[in-house]
Protein backbone atom coordinates (compact mmCIF):
# COMPACT_ATOMS: atom_id res chain seq x y z
CA MET A 1 90.19 132.47 31.66
CA LYS A 2 90.61 135.33 34.08
CA THR A 3 87.36 134.52 35.96
CA GLN A 4 88.46 130.90 36.38
CA LYS A 5 91.77 132.04 38.00
CA THR A 6 89.92 134.44 40.24
CA LYS A 7 87.51 131.70 41.36
CA ASN A 8 90.42 129.29 42.02
CA LYS A 9 92.31 132.01 43.94
CA THR A 10 89.24 132.81 46.05
CA LEU A 11 88.66 129.12 46.78
CA ILE A 12 92.35 128.67 47.75
CA ASN A 13 92.14 131.78 50.04
CA ILE A 14 89.03 130.33 51.71
CA VAL A 15 90.77 126.97 52.25
CA TYR A 16 93.87 128.71 53.72
CA PHE A 17 91.68 130.82 55.98
CA LEU A 18 89.77 127.74 57.23
CA LEU A 19 93.01 125.89 57.88
CA PHE A 20 94.37 128.86 59.73
CA VAL A 21 91.27 129.08 61.90
CA LEU A 22 91.39 125.36 62.55
CA ILE A 23 95.03 125.48 63.58
CA ILE A 24 94.43 128.46 65.88
CA ALA A 25 91.44 126.72 67.45
CA TRP A 26 93.50 123.55 67.95
CA ILE A 27 96.32 125.50 69.63
CA LEU A 28 94.00 127.49 71.89
CA MET A 29 91.34 124.93 72.86
CA MET A 30 91.56 121.40 71.58
CA GLY A 31 95.12 120.14 71.80
CA ASN A 32 96.60 118.21 74.75
CA ASN A 33 98.89 121.19 75.49
CA SER A 34 96.33 123.82 74.61
CA PHE A 35 96.24 127.14 76.43
CA PHE A 36 92.67 126.35 77.71
CA LYS A 37 93.77 123.05 79.32
CA LYS A 38 96.85 124.68 80.82
CA TRP A 39 94.69 127.48 82.25
CA LYS A 40 92.26 124.92 83.74
CA LEU A 41 95.18 123.02 85.32
CA SER A 42 96.61 126.21 86.80
CA GLN A 43 93.17 127.05 88.32
CA LYS A 44 92.93 123.54 89.79
CA ALA A 45 96.47 123.90 91.22
CA LYS A 46 95.53 127.21 92.88
CA LYS A 47 92.46 125.59 94.49
CA THR A 48 94.54 122.66 95.67
CA GLU A 49 97.14 124.96 97.15
CA GLU A 50 94.42 126.88 99.03
CA GLU A 51 92.99 123.61 100.35
CA LEU A 52 96.49 122.51 101.36
CA LYS A 53 97.07 125.72 103.30
CA TYR A 54 93.67 125.34 105.04
CA LEU A 55 94.28 121.67 105.94
CA SER A 56 97.86 122.47 107.08
CA ALA A 57 96.60 125.14 109.43
CA GLN A 58 93.90 122.83 110.77
CA ASN A 59 96.46 120.07 111.20
CA ASP A 60 98.74 122.43 113.18
CA SER A 61 95.86 123.43 115.43
CA LEU A 62 94.96 119.82 116.07
CA LYS A 63 98.57 119.01 116.89
CA GLN A 64 98.69 121.83 119.41
CA GLU A 65 95.42 120.70 120.98
CA ASN A 66 96.74 117.12 121.15
CA LYS A 67 99.91 118.34 122.83
CA ARG A 68 97.92 120.32 125.38
CA LEU A 69 95.72 117.36 126.13
CA HIS A 70 98.69 115.12 126.72
CA SER A 71 100.65 117.53 128.90
CA ASP A 72 98.11 119.59 130.85
CA PRO A 73 95.90 117.75 133.36
CA GLU A 74 93.60 120.75 133.72
CA GLU A 75 92.99 120.78 129.98
CA GLN A 76 92.22 117.00 130.18
CA LYS A 77 89.56 117.65 132.80
CA LEU A 78 88.01 120.41 130.76
CA HIS A 79 87.95 118.22 127.69
CA VAL A 80 86.28 115.32 129.57
CA LYS A 81 83.72 117.67 131.08
CA ALA A 82 82.89 119.16 127.69
CA ARG A 83 82.63 115.70 126.09
CA THR A 84 80.45 114.12 128.74
CA GLY A 85 78.48 117.21 129.71
CA ILE A 86 79.01 116.45 133.42
CA TYR A 87 79.95 119.54 135.43
CA GLU A 88 80.52 120.21 139.10
CA LYS A 89 77.77 121.63 141.20
CA GLY A 90 77.72 125.47 141.10
CA GLU A 91 79.99 125.54 138.10
CA THR A 92 79.12 128.06 135.39
CA VAL A 93 79.79 126.92 131.86
CA TYR A 94 79.65 129.00 128.73
CA ILE A 95 79.28 127.02 125.55
CA PHE A 96 80.05 128.88 122.33
CA LYS A 97 78.66 127.39 119.13
CA PRO A 98 80.15 128.38 115.78
CA ALA A 99 77.90 130.57 113.64
CA GLU A 100 76.18 128.92 110.72
CA LYS A 101 77.35 131.50 108.20
CA ASP A 102 79.62 134.37 109.07
CA SER A 103 80.16 137.15 106.58
CA LEU A 104 83.70 137.75 107.74
CA LYS A 105 84.73 134.10 107.87
CA LYS A 106 86.08 132.62 104.69
CA ASP A 107 84.52 129.23 103.88
CA LYS A 108 86.87 126.30 103.69
CA PRO A 109 87.65 125.05 100.15
CA LYS A 110 85.35 122.39 98.88
CA LYS A 111 86.54 118.97 98.04
CA GLY A 112 85.91 117.49 94.65
CA LYS A 113 86.43 118.69 91.12
């Protein structure tokens, strides 16, 4: 009789342990409000905020350039010359191209997932 109770108790302990593990796994990884999903959402939010800062700075820069082009006739001439590639005789022009990959420059955030 004692061995039967011991077997039943062991079986019940195993079932409780498995239920406990299943509940913990559900809370940590599988549920709609699981810690894993919340962590992933927070990482995505951080990336989106970084992209927003980058795009906001780029937008401000373009607004300033637009304002300069509308208000400064000299800037308009320079812009037209740079676009068309037509320069005055004897004029020295320095054209700076951005580096392909700069170790000090932080790459812009990628779009997508």
